[in-house]
Amino acid sequence: MKTRVADIVAGTLAAHNIRHAFGMPGGEVVTLIDALECAGVRFMLARHETAAAIMGAGASTVTGAPGLLVTTLGPGLANGINGIADAAQEHVPLIVISGVVDHDIRGRYTHQVVDQKKLLSPLVKASFEVEATGAGATVARAIAIATTHPMGPVHLDFAPGTAAKPADAADRIVAPTQNTVPTIAANDPAIAEVRNALQKAQRPLIIAGLDAVRDNAGAPLTELCARFHCPVITTYKAKGIVDEANALCLGGAGLSPLADKTLLPLIQQADLVLLAGYDPIEMRQPWCDPFANEEAVIALGPAQPDHGMHRAGRHIVGNTAHLVSAILVDATPAIQTWPDGAPAIAKSVLRNAFAPPEAWGPHAVIAALQDTLPTNSIVTVDSGAHRILLSQMMQFKSPNTLLQSSGFCTMGAAVPLAAGAKAAQPNVTAIAVLGDGGLEMGLGELATLRDQGLPITILVLQDKSLALIELKQRQAGLAQAGVKLGATRFEDIAVACGGHGVRVTSADAARQALTEAYARQSFSVIVAEIEADSYVGRI
């Protein structure tokens, strides 16, 4: 068979270590899907394009390669908008390939036609059309843009007639460029300034974010914490970059008013704040201007974040791990830092604030998950009150083991994130934690788990409410409206879709159900009945 343009596209994607495509097929992309399968890129059928985009994000997180979303034209691409927007705000390198009407009829044909580039223009870093000539170079360019900081989605239109054409004899699959990030010289004046400031600081503090995770900065940050007795706070997506059992790791922050009562005053006490790969897109309004002296704030990371939440006295651009490692060369504290033990006090206060207040409720459910969590696990969590609680309660030993939509905070993300991660890394135990509202948004993806053979554990905290919104109504003194949900029997739906379902009403039953689910070869839905008011005053 002659090499088609679609084969050049698929081969270039495969050369860049993309092994999974997620989406919903249409007539305009059938040739591309065939080419992907021939190139060793498995096409996985989702039940909705937004879920498919988020599956791509899950796969990208665990592999480091870009995610891949394939949609048909018009309604297919429009269905993916929420997932593409999520990739934009979560800084996920996502390649979006959509079908488009062929050139020879484009001027007169209107069925299912929208201006797809304009539709996506606020959300993507770039948008191109793949043509018969130079298809491999176009795809390679799209990947390069998507994976350049700040990472994000790039869109490619691909007409079916173009996809099926024989490839030009001169066209070829384009392999990735070998990129090398040079180390930072320890004697660089900018590094020396930071080192001097760190050595003089009495109360240094680190706030670490997603780009520190991407730059593999965990080891040097852990060493910095130990050497300077320096506490570290992370965003939710950076949890685990320093083992959270470490006495100096104060856990995740950004969305919990209860945690903010402890963490923000501590930050105010700091006389030096190092922002390591930190972007406040994950943080809520109380994190605007959190520093007592912005001149004492030094940002380290691969790109200057686009925000107005605060300013830093200086920003040093580079690989976060290399920057921190260079700062540490011959660096020793001149004085004892935090002599009053404030970080340890803060950690104790936080632990007590989020301890299970009763034998059963959302705290007990999350504690059961922590107690039973296998070593090689990835937890995903949906938006809602349960996410804030889980992100404060649970401790993680390594990064990228808790996945969530934290910048965009979209609902319905937990199951597709877990599906993408599990598809790309079959040996992990994947657990999706969500509320009943989030699961009802994407019930069709249970069939995806069945068809793709993904044995994911789904833990549903069913409070028959959009609990976080109900809590906000309470806080505003408003009557409840539009937040109550019916008592869906999710365990029965799980069985109907080919999985296992069970309902639990005690911590012991939850632990048993979780342990059994991890060993099962099909997906499991564990429904934990709780009360919506269990979150009041506790997140």
Protein backbone atom coordinates (compact mmCIF):
# COMPACT_ATOMS: atom_id res chain seq x y z
CA MET A 1 0.00 0.00 0.00
CA LYS A 2 1.26 3.46 -0.88
CA THR A 3 2.13 5.78 1.96
CA ARG A 4 -0.72 8.21 2.55
CA VAL A 5 -0.50 11.71 3.96
CA ALA A 6 -2.32 10.29 7.00
CA ASP A 7 0.54 7.82 7.45
CA ILE A 8 3.04 10.68 7.56
CA VAL A 9 0.92 12.42 10.20
CA ALA A 10 0.46 9.26 12.27
CA GLY A 11 4.11 8.28 11.96
CA THR A 12 5.26 11.69 13.14
CA LEU A 13 2.94 11.49 16.15
CA ALA A 14 4.30 8.02 16.97
CA ALA A 15 7.88 9.24 16.56
CA HIS A 16 7.16 11.76 19.31
CA ASN A 17 6.22 8.89 21.68
CA ILE A 18 2.45 9.32 21.38
CA ARG A 19 0.94 5.86 21.81
CA HIS A 20 -2.75 6.60 22.45
CA ALA A 21 -5.37 8.71 20.69
CA PHE A 22 -8.71 9.42 22.31
CA GLY A 23 -11.89 10.56 20.63
CA MET A 24 -15.07 9.83 18.75
CA PRO A 25 -14.75 8.92 15.05
CA GLY A 26 -16.57 10.54 12.16
CA GLY A 27 -16.38 10.05 8.41
CA GLU A 28 -13.85 12.84 8.07
CA VAL A 29 -11.23 11.11 10.27
CA VAL A 30 -11.55 7.40 9.41
CA THR A 31 -8.40 7.43 7.27
CA LEU A 32 -6.45 9.12 10.06
CA ILE A 33 -7.66 6.55 12.59
CA ASP A 34 -6.59 3.73 10.27
CA ALA A 35 -3.17 5.34 9.89
CA LEU A 36 -2.82 5.78 13.64
CA GLU A 37 -3.52 2.10 14.25
CA CYS A 38 -1.00 1.15 11.55
CA ALA A 39 1.61 3.37 13.23
CA GLY A 40 1.10 1.76 16.64
CA VAL A 41 -1.02 4.56 18.08
CA ARG A 42 -4.06 2.95 19.67
CA PHE A 43 -7.32 4.80 19.06
CA MET A 44 -9.55 4.63 22.12
CA LEU A 45 -13.25 5.34 21.69
CA ALA A 46 -14.67 7.61 24.38
CA ARG A 47 -18.34 8.48 24.79
CA HIS A 48 -17.81 12.24 24.68
CA GLU A 49 -15.08 14.38 23.17
CA THR A 50 -14.48 16.42 26.34
CA ALA A 51 -13.86 13.19 28.23
CA ALA A 52 -11.54 12.11 25.40
CA ALA A 53 -9.52 15.33 25.71
CA ILE A 54 -9.15 14.80 29.46
CA MET A 55 -8.12 11.18 28.86
CA GLY A 56 -5.39 12.61 26.66
CA ALA A 57 -4.34 14.83 29.58
CA GLY A 58 -4.17 11.81 31.89
CA ALA A 59 -2.01 9.90 29.43
CA SER A 60 0.25 12.90 28.89
CA THR A 61 0.81 13.37 32.60
CA VAL A 62 2.13 9.86 33.17
CA THR A 63 4.15 9.54 29.94
CA GLY A 64 5.45 13.06 29.35
CA ALA A 65 4.39 12.83 25.69
CA PRO A 66 1.65 15.11 24.34
CA GLY A 67 -1.94 13.96 24.60
CA LEU A 68 -3.88 13.36 21.39
CA LEU A 69 -7.57 14.16 20.78
CA VAL A 70 -9.17 13.16 17.47
CA THR A 71 -12.60 14.54 16.56
CA THR A 72 -14.78 14.83 13.53
CA LEU A 73 -15.74 18.24 12.21
CA GLY A 74 -18.39 20.60 13.61
CA PRO A 75 -20.25 19.06 16.55
CA GLY A 76 -17.42 16.63 17.28
CA LEU A 77 -14.89 19.40 17.78
CA ALA A 78 -17.43 21.61 19.56
CA ASN A 79 -18.11 18.79 22.02
CA GLY A 80 -14.44 18.82 22.94
CA ILE A 81 -14.34 22.51 23.89
CA ASN A 82 -14.44 21.99 27.66
CA GLY A 83 -11.65 19.43 27.53
CA ILE A 84 -9.54 21.65 25.28
CA ALA A 85 -10.11 24.62 27.59
CA ASP A 86 -9.06 22.41 30.48
CA ALA A 87 -5.83 21.57 28.67
CA ALA A 88 -5.21 25.29 28.09
CA GLN A 89 -5.54 26.23 31.75
CA GLU A 90 -3.89 23.08 33.08
CA HIS A 91 -0.93 23.62 30.71
CA VAL A 92 -1.32 20.19 29.10
CA PRO A 93 0.43 19.65 25.76
CA LEU A 94 -2.56 18.37 23.77
CA ILE A 95 -2.66 17.87 20.02
CA VAL A 96 -6.22 18.32 18.71
CA ILE A 97 -6.80 16.92 15.23
CA SER A 98 -10.22 17.59 13.74
CA GLY A 99 -11.77 16.65 10.46
CA VAL A 100 -12.71 19.47 8.09
CA VAL A 101 -14.55 19.72 4.78
CA ASP A 102 -12.42 19.01 1.71
CA HIS A 103 -10.97 21.92 -0.24
CA ASP A 104 -12.88 21.32 -3.45
CA ILE A 105 -16.30 21.74 -1.82
CA ARG A 106 -15.44 24.12 1.01
CA GLY A 107 -16.65 27.25 -0.77
CA ARG A 108 -20.21 25.98 -1.27
CA TYR A 109 -20.86 23.42 1.47
CA THR A 110 -22.41 24.35 4.83
CA HIS A 111 -23.55 21.13 6.52
CA GLN A 112 -21.92 20.85 10.00
CA VAL A 113 -19.51 23.61 9.03
CA VAL A 114 -18.21 26.20 11.51
CA ASP A 115 -14.99 28.19 11.45
CA GLN A 116 -13.03 25.74 13.58
CA LYS A 117 -9.95 27.92 13.93
CA LYS A 118 -12.03 30.81 15.25
CA LEU A 119 -13.94 28.46 17.53
CA LEU A 120 -10.72 27.40 19.21
CA SER A 121 -8.73 30.62 18.92
CA PRO A 122 -9.10 31.66 22.60
CA LEU A 123 -8.05 28.21 23.79
CA VAL A 124 -5.17 26.96 21.66
CA LYS A 125 -1.61 28.16 21.25
CA ALA A 126 -1.80 27.77 17.47
CA SER A 127 -4.03 26.35 14.74
CA PHE A 128 -2.91 25.01 11.36
CA GLU A 129 -4.26 22.91 8.54
CA VAL A 130 -2.36 19.80 7.51
CA GLU A 131 -1.77 19.91 3.77
CA ALA A 132 -0.57 17.21 1.40
CA THR A 133 2.91 18.70 1.26
CA GLY A 134 4.93 19.05 4.44
CA ALA A 135 2.45 17.18 6.65
CA GLY A 136 5.17 15.73 8.89
CA ALA A 137 6.79 19.12 9.41
CA THR A 138 3.43 20.67 10.29
CA VAL A 139 2.71 18.02 12.92
CA ALA A 140 6.22 18.31 14.36
CA ARG A 141 5.79 22.08 14.57
CA ALA A 142 2.47 21.66 16.38
CA ILE A 143 4.08 19.32 18.92
CA ALA A 144 6.99 21.71 19.46
CA ILE A 145 4.60 24.57 20.17
CA ALA A 146 2.43 22.44 22.47
CA THR A 147 5.43 21.32 24.53
CA THR A 148 7.07 24.74 24.85
CA HIS A 149 6.44 26.53 28.16
CA PRO A 150 3.78 27.43 28.94
CA MET A 151 2.53 24.15 27.50
CA GLY A 152 -0.95 23.90 26.02
CA PRO A 153 -3.17 22.62 23.20
CA VAL A 154 -2.49 23.06 19.48
CA HIS A 155 -5.14 22.45 16.83
CA LEU A 156 -4.76 20.83 13.42
CA ASP A 157 -7.51 20.68 10.79
CA PHE A 158 -7.13 17.65 8.51
CA ALA A 159 -9.36 17.15 5.49
CA PRO A 160 -10.31 13.56 4.59
CA GLY A 161 -9.29 13.99 0.95
CA THR A 162 -5.88 15.21 2.03
CA ALA A 163 -5.51 12.36 4.51
CA ALA A 164 -6.15 9.74 1.82
CA LYS A 165 -3.82 11.23 -0.80
CA PRO A 166 -0.54 9.47 -1.59
CA ALA A 167 2.21 11.24 0.27
CA ASP A 168 4.67 13.33 -1.71
CA ALA A 169 7.83 11.37 -2.38
CA ALA A 170 9.87 14.03 -0.62
CA ASP A 171 7.65 14.13 2.46
CA ARG A 172 8.70 12.11 5.46
CA ILE A 173 7.97 11.28 9.05
CA VAL A 174 9.62 13.93 11.21
CA ALA A 175 11.37 12.71 14.36
CA PRO A 176 11.67 14.94 17.42
CA THR A 177 14.62 17.26 17.78
CA GLN A 178 17.01 16.30 20.55
CA ASN A 179 16.62 19.13 23.07
CA THR A 180 19.25 19.61 25.76
CA VAL A 181 18.72 21.93 28.70
CA PRO A 182 22.13 23.15 29.89
CA THR A 183 22.86 23.16 33.58
CA ILE A 184 23.09 26.49 35.35
CA ALA A 185 26.52 27.60 36.55
CA ALA A 186 26.72 27.73 40.33
CA ASN A 187 28.84 30.90 40.12
CA ASP A 188 26.39 32.77 37.88
CA PRO A 189 25.79 36.20 39.49
CA ALA A 190 22.01 35.72 39.53
CA ILE A 191 22.40 32.34 41.24
CA ALA A 192 24.89 33.77 43.71
CA GLU A 193 22.42 36.51 44.66
CA VAL A 194 19.73 33.96 45.45
CA ARG A 195 22.20 31.81 47.39
CA ASN A 196 23.30 34.78 49.46
CA ALA A 197 19.70 35.74 50.18
CA LEU A 198 18.90 32.16 51.19
CA GLN A 199 21.93 31.91 53.49
CA LYS A 200 20.92 35.11 55.28
CA ALA A 201 17.22 34.31 55.59
CA GLN A 202 15.83 33.65 59.04
CA ARG A 203 12.46 32.40 57.81
CA PRO A 204 12.80 31.02 54.25
CA LEU A 205 9.80 29.32 52.64
CA ILE A 206 9.16 27.52 49.35
CA ILE A 207 5.97 27.42 47.29
CA ALA A 208 6.26 24.77 44.60
CA GLY A 209 4.02 24.32 41.56
CA LEU A 210 3.43 22.15 38.51
CA ASP A 211 6.47 23.29 36.52
CA ALA A 212 8.73 22.14 39.36
CA VAL A 213 7.17 18.70 38.91
CA ARG A 214 7.70 18.80 35.16
CA ASP A 215 11.32 19.82 35.70
CA ASN A 216 11.92 16.91 38.14
CA ALA A 217 12.88 19.30 40.91
CA GLY A 218 11.81 17.05 43.77
CA ALA A 219 15.28 15.92 44.86
CA PRO A 220 16.93 19.37 45.03
CA LEU A 221 13.86 20.88 46.70
CA THR A 222 13.92 18.11 49.32
CA GLU A 223 17.61 18.80 49.93
CA LEU A 224 16.97 22.55 50.22
CA CYS A 225 14.22 21.88 52.78
CA ALA A 226 16.51 19.70 54.87
CA ARG A 227 19.59 21.88 54.70
CA PHE A 228 17.83 25.15 55.54
CA HIS A 229 15.00 23.74 57.64
CA CYS A 230 12.79 25.40 55.03
CA PRO A 231 9.06 24.56 54.88
CA VAL A 232 7.47 23.86 51.51
CA ILE A 233 3.88 24.47 50.46
CA THR A 234 2.67 23.10 47.13
CA THR A 235 -0.18 23.71 44.79
CA TYR A 236 -2.58 20.79 44.52
CA LYS A 237 -1.01 19.61 41.25
CA ALA A 238 2.47 19.63 42.82
CA LYS A 239 1.54 17.48 45.81
CA GLY A 240 4.20 14.85 46.40
CA ILE A 241 7.10 16.78 44.88
CA VAL A 242 8.47 16.58 48.42
CA ASP A 243 7.32 13.50 50.33
CA GLU A 244 4.37 14.79 52.33
CA ALA A 245 5.39 12.69 55.31
CA ASN A 246 8.37 15.05 55.58
CA ALA A 247 7.96 17.24 58.66
CA LEU A 248 8.75 20.32 56.57
CA CYS A 249 6.14 19.60 53.88
CA LEU A 250 2.93 21.45 54.73
CA GLY A 251 0.90 19.90 51.93
CA GLY A 252 -1.21 21.44 49.21
CA ALA A 253 -2.90 24.82 49.29
CA GLY A 254 -4.98 27.20 47.28
CA LEU A 255 -8.66 26.30 47.61
CA SER A 256 -9.28 25.64 51.30
CA PRO A 257 -10.25 28.58 53.53
CA LEU A 258 -9.59 26.37 56.54
CA ALA A 259 -6.00 25.68 55.43
CA ASP A 260 -5.49 29.30 54.41
CA LYS A 261 -6.09 30.38 58.04
CA THR A 262 -2.85 28.59 58.92
CA LEU A 263 -0.75 28.90 55.77
CA LEU A 264 -1.26 32.53 54.77
CA PRO A 265 -0.12 33.91 58.17
CA LEU A 266 2.96 31.66 57.96
CA ILE A 267 3.77 33.06 54.51
CA GLN A 268 3.45 36.57 55.93
CA GLN A 269 6.18 35.71 58.45
CA ALA A 270 8.63 34.56 55.76
CA ASP A 271 11.53 36.88 55.00
CA LEU A 272 12.41 34.98 51.79
CA VAL A 273 9.96 33.15 49.54
CA LEU A 274 11.20 30.95 46.71
CA LEU A 275 8.53 30.25 44.10
CA ALA A 276 9.64 27.02 42.42
CA GLY A 277 7.78 26.43 39.16
CA TYR A 278 4.77 28.11 40.75
CA ASP A 279 1.80 29.50 38.81
CA PRO A 280 -1.08 30.89 40.92
CA ILE A 281 -3.65 29.80 38.33
CA GLU A 282 -4.45 27.04 40.86
CA MET A 283 -5.14 29.48 43.68
CA ARG A 284 -8.28 31.37 44.73
CA GLN A 285 -8.65 35.06 45.54
CA PRO A 286 -7.19 34.96 49.08
CA TRP A 287 -3.86 34.19 47.39
CA CYS A 288 -3.77 37.60 45.73
CA ASP A 289 -0.82 39.54 47.21
CA PRO A 290 -0.03 36.98 49.96
CA PHE A 291 3.51 38.21 50.65
CA ALA A 292 4.56 40.73 53.29
CA ASN A 293 7.49 41.93 51.17
CA GLU A 294 7.33 41.19 47.44
CA GLU A 295 10.96 42.26 47.02
CA ALA A 296 11.87 39.19 49.08
CA VAL A 297 10.04 36.90 46.63
CA ILE A 298 12.19 35.10 44.04
CA ALA A 299 10.53 33.11 41.27
CA LEU A 300 12.39 30.20 39.69
CA GLY A 301 10.96 28.39 36.69
CA PRO A 302 10.92 27.71 32.96
CA ALA A 303 8.62 30.60 32.01
CA GLN A 304 7.18 33.79 33.42
CA PRO A 305 3.56 32.98 34.37
CA ASP A 306 0.87 35.25 32.92
CA HIS A 307 -1.01 36.62 35.93
CA GLY A 308 -1.50 39.63 38.16
CA MET A 309 -1.99 37.75 41.44
CA HIS A 310 1.26 39.08 42.89
CA ARG A 311 4.66 40.28 41.80
CA ALA A 312 8.09 38.90 42.58
CA GLY A 313 11.21 40.91 43.29
CA ARG A 314 12.98 38.91 40.62
CA HIS A 315 12.30 36.02 38.25
CA ILE A 316 15.07 33.68 37.13
CA VAL A 317 14.13 31.71 34.02
CA GLY A 318 15.45 28.20 33.60
CA ASN A 319 14.90 24.56 34.44
CA THR A 320 13.64 24.56 38.04
CA ALA A 321 15.69 21.55 39.12
CA HIS A 322 18.88 23.00 37.63
CA LEU A 323 18.29 26.37 39.24
CA VAL A 324 17.70 24.93 42.72
CA SER A 325 20.66 22.56 42.38
CA ALA A 326 22.95 25.46 41.42
CA ILE A 327 21.74 27.53 44.36
CA LEU A 328 22.56 24.66 46.71
CA VAL A 329 26.22 24.42 45.68
CA ASP A 330 28.25 25.30 48.80
CA ALA A 331 25.15 26.90 50.37
CA THR A 332 24.92 26.73 54.16
CA PRO A 333 22.57 28.59 56.49
CA ALA A 334 24.27 31.36 58.44
CA ILE A 335 21.76 31.09 61.26
CA GLN A 336 19.16 28.70 62.63
CA THR A 337 16.03 29.15 60.55
CA TRP A 338 12.53 29.26 61.99
CA PRO A 339 13.80 29.08 65.60
CA ASP A 340 10.25 29.40 66.91
CA GLY A 341 9.24 26.12 65.22
CA ALA A 342 6.40 27.80 63.31
CA PRO A 343 6.40 25.28 60.39
CA ALA A 344 6.01 22.32 62.77
CA ILE A 345 3.22 24.11 64.61
CA ALA A 346 1.48 24.83 61.29
CA LYS A 347 1.75 21.19 60.23
CA SER A 348 0.21 20.05 63.52
CA VAL A 349 -2.62 22.58 63.25
CA LEU A 350 -3.39 21.45 59.70
CA ARG A 351 -3.35 17.77 60.66
CA ASN A 352 -5.83 18.41 63.47
CA ALA A 353 -8.02 20.68 61.33
CA PHE A 354 -8.60 17.94 58.75
CA ALA A 355 -8.72 14.92 61.06
CA PRO A 356 -11.90 12.83 60.74
CA PRO A 357 -14.39 14.48 63.12
CA GLU A 358 -16.71 11.47 63.27
CA ALA A 359 -16.81 7.75 62.57
CA TRP A 360 -18.49 8.17 59.16
CA GLY A 361 -18.56 10.95 56.62
CA PRO A 362 -16.33 12.31 53.85
CA HIS A 363 -13.30 12.52 56.16
CA ALA A 364 -13.65 8.84 57.06
CA VAL A 365 -14.05 7.86 53.39
CA ILE A 366 -10.84 9.68 52.41
CA ALA A 367 -9.01 8.24 55.42
CA ALA A 368 -10.06 4.76 54.26
CA LEU A 369 -8.63 5.50 50.83
CA GLN A 370 -5.34 6.67 52.35
CA ASP A 371 -5.18 3.57 54.57
CA THR A 372 -5.69 1.13 51.68
CA LEU A 373 -3.86 2.91 48.87
CA PRO A 374 -1.44 0.54 47.09
CA THR A 375 2.14 1.69 46.60
CA ASN A 376 1.97 2.02 42.82
CA SER A 377 -1.18 4.15 42.58
CA ILE A 378 -2.56 7.18 40.82
CA VAL A 379 -5.51 8.98 42.40
CA THR A 380 -7.64 11.36 40.37
CA VAL A 381 -10.19 13.64 41.94
CA ASP A 382 -13.06 15.67 40.55
CA SER A 383 -14.05 19.23 41.36
CA GLY A 384 -16.19 19.77 44.43
CA ALA A 385 -16.04 19.90 48.20
CA HIS A 386 -14.61 16.38 48.32
CA ARG A 387 -11.63 17.50 46.18
CA ILE A 388 -10.67 20.25 48.61
CA LEU A 389 -10.93 17.85 51.52
CA LEU A 390 -8.98 15.07 49.79
CA SER A 391 -6.24 17.46 48.65
CA GLN A 392 -5.79 18.65 52.23
CA MET A 393 -6.11 15.28 53.98
CA MET A 394 -4.21 12.86 51.78
CA GLN A 395 -0.43 12.61 51.74
CA PHE A 396 1.52 11.59 48.64
CA LYS A 397 5.13 10.45 48.50
CA SER A 398 5.86 11.33 44.87
CA PRO A 399 4.57 13.77 42.26
CA ASN A 400 1.98 13.06 39.56
CA THR A 401 0.25 10.53 41.81
CA LEU A 402 -2.68 12.89 42.45
CA LEU A 403 -4.23 14.22 39.23
CA GLN A 404 -6.97 16.82 39.02
CA SER A 405 -8.22 19.84 37.11
CA SER A 406 -6.91 22.56 39.37
CA GLY A 407 -6.60 25.65 37.18
CA PHE A 408 -9.84 25.18 35.24
CA CYS A 409 -11.56 23.16 37.99
CA THR A 410 -13.93 21.44 35.59
CA MET A 411 -16.35 18.80 36.79
CA GLY A 412 -16.42 15.36 35.27
CA ALA A 413 -12.62 15.08 34.98
CA ALA A 414 -11.75 12.33 37.48
CA VAL A 415 -12.87 9.25 35.53
CA PRO A 416 -11.34 10.27 32.16
CA LEU A 417 -8.11 11.36 33.86
CA ALA A 418 -7.89 7.94 35.49
CA ALA A 419 -8.76 6.21 32.21
CA GLY A 420 -6.04 8.04 30.29
CA ALA A 421 -3.45 7.37 32.98
CA LYS A 422 -4.37 3.69 33.23
CA ALA A 423 -4.35 3.23 29.45
CA ALA A 424 -0.87 4.73 29.22
CA GLN A 425 0.49 3.02 32.33
CA PRO A 426 -1.37 -0.30 32.74
CA ASN A 427 0.60 -1.42 35.80
CA VAL A 428 -0.63 1.37 38.08
CA THR A 429 -3.68 1.10 40.31
CA ALA A 430 -5.95 3.95 39.22
CA ILE A 431 -8.59 5.35 41.58
CA ALA A 432 -11.04 8.10 40.59
CA VAL A 433 -12.70 10.00 43.43
CA LEU A 434 -15.75 12.11 42.65
CA GLY A 435 -19.17 13.23 43.75
CA ASP A 436 -22.51 12.09 42.44
CA GLY A 437 -22.89 15.24 40.32
CA GLY A 438 -19.58 14.64 38.58
CA LEU A 439 -20.31 10.98 37.86
CA GLU A 440 -23.74 11.78 36.45
CA MET A 441 -22.09 14.18 34.01
CA GLY A 442 -20.09 11.36 32.46
CA LEU A 443 -21.90 8.09 33.10
CA GLY A 444 -21.28 7.02 29.51
CA GLU A 445 -17.58 6.67 30.24
CA LEU A 446 -18.34 3.60 32.37
CA ALA A 447 -18.97 1.88 29.05
CA THR A 448 -15.61 3.17 27.85
CA LEU A 449 -13.92 1.52 30.83
CA ARG A 450 -15.69 -1.74 30.00
CA ASP A 451 -14.87 -1.68 26.29
CA GLN A 452 -11.24 -0.65 26.78
CA GLY A 453 -10.68 -3.14 29.61
CA LEU A 454 -9.63 -0.52 32.16
CA PRO A 455 -10.05 -1.87 35.73
CA ILE A 456 -10.36 1.47 37.49
CA THR A 457 -11.72 1.92 41.00
CA ILE A 458 -14.34 4.69 41.16
CA LEU A 459 -15.08 6.02 44.63
CA VAL A 460 -18.26 8.12 44.67
CA LEU A 461 -19.11 10.30 47.66
CA GLN A 462 -22.88 10.49 47.27
CA ASP A 463 -24.45 13.33 49.24
CA LYS A 464 -27.32 13.95 46.80
CA SER A 465 -26.15 17.52 46.37
CA LEU A 466 -23.70 19.81 44.63
CA ALA A 467 -22.21 20.19 48.08
CA LEU A 468 -19.68 22.94 47.40
CA ILE A 469 -22.30 25.17 45.74
CA GLU A 470 -24.77 24.40 48.52
CA LEU A 471 -22.09 25.46 51.00
CA LYS A 472 -21.59 28.75 49.15
CA GLN A 473 -25.35 29.36 49.21
CA ARG A 474 -25.31 28.81 52.96
CA GLN A 475 -22.39 31.20 53.41
CA ALA A 476 -24.21 33.86 51.41
CA GLY A 477 -27.39 33.41 53.47
CA LEU A 478 -29.32 32.24 50.41
CA ALA A 479 -31.96 29.58 50.06
CA GLN A 480 -30.95 26.32 48.41
CA ALA A 481 -31.74 26.28 44.71
CA GLY A 482 -30.53 24.08 41.88
CA VAL A 483 -28.19 21.96 44.01
CA LYS A 484 -30.19 18.89 45.05
CA LEU A 485 -29.70 15.57 43.26
CA GLY A 486 -31.72 12.38 43.28
CA ALA A 487 -30.48 9.14 44.85
CA THR A 488 -29.07 7.44 41.76
CA ARG A 489 -28.16 3.78 42.28
CA PHE A 490 -24.69 4.03 40.77
CA GLU A 491 -23.78 0.53 41.90
CA ASP A 492 -26.60 -0.88 39.73
CA ILE A 493 -25.50 1.22 36.76
CA ALA A 494 -21.97 -0.13 37.19
CA VAL A 495 -23.23 -3.70 36.95
CA ALA A 496 -25.38 -2.83 33.93
CA CYS A 497 -22.26 -1.45 32.22
CA GLY A 498 -20.23 -4.58 32.91
CA GLY A 499 -18.48 -3.54 36.11
CA HIS A 500 -18.86 -4.20 39.82
CA GLY A 501 -20.90 -2.02 42.15
CA VAL A 502 -21.23 -1.79 45.91
CA ARG A 503 -22.68 0.69 48.42
CA VAL A 504 -20.94 1.36 51.75
CA THR A 505 -22.03 3.20 54.88
CA SER A 506 -19.10 2.63 57.25
CA ALA A 507 -15.33 3.10 57.27
CA ASP A 508 -14.70 -0.65 57.64
CA ALA A 509 -16.96 -1.43 54.68
CA ALA A 510 -15.21 1.25 52.62
CA ARG A 511 -11.77 -0.19 53.37
CA GLN A 512 -12.93 -3.68 52.46
CA ALA A 513 -14.61 -2.55 49.25
CA LEU A 514 -11.53 -0.57 48.19
CA THR A 515 -9.16 -3.47 48.87
CA GLU A 516 -11.32 -5.85 46.86
CA ALA A 517 -11.67 -3.37 44.00
CA TYR A 518 -7.91 -2.98 43.57
CA ALA A 519 -7.60 -6.70 42.83
CA ARG A 520 -10.53 -6.86 40.40
CA GLN A 521 -10.01 -7.21 36.65
CA SER A 522 -13.01 -5.03 35.80
CA PHE A 523 -13.90 -1.52 36.89
CA SER A 524 -15.58 -1.01 40.24
CA VAL A 525 -17.94 1.67 41.53
CA ILE A 526 -17.98 2.13 45.31
CA VAL A 527 -20.78 4.41 46.50
CA ALA A 528 -20.19 6.00 49.90
CA GLU A 529 -23.35 7.53 51.36
CA ILE A 530 -22.58 10.78 53.18
CA GLU A 531 -24.37 13.97 54.21
CA ALA A 532 -23.79 17.23 52.33
CA ASP A 533 -23.54 19.24 55.55
CA SER A 534 -20.52 17.15 56.61
CA TYR A 535 -18.33 19.73 54.85
CA VAL A 536 -19.66 22.78 56.69
CA GLY A 537 -16.78 24.50 58.50
CA ARG A 538 -14.44 21.64 57.63
CA ILE A 539 -12.81 22.63 54.33
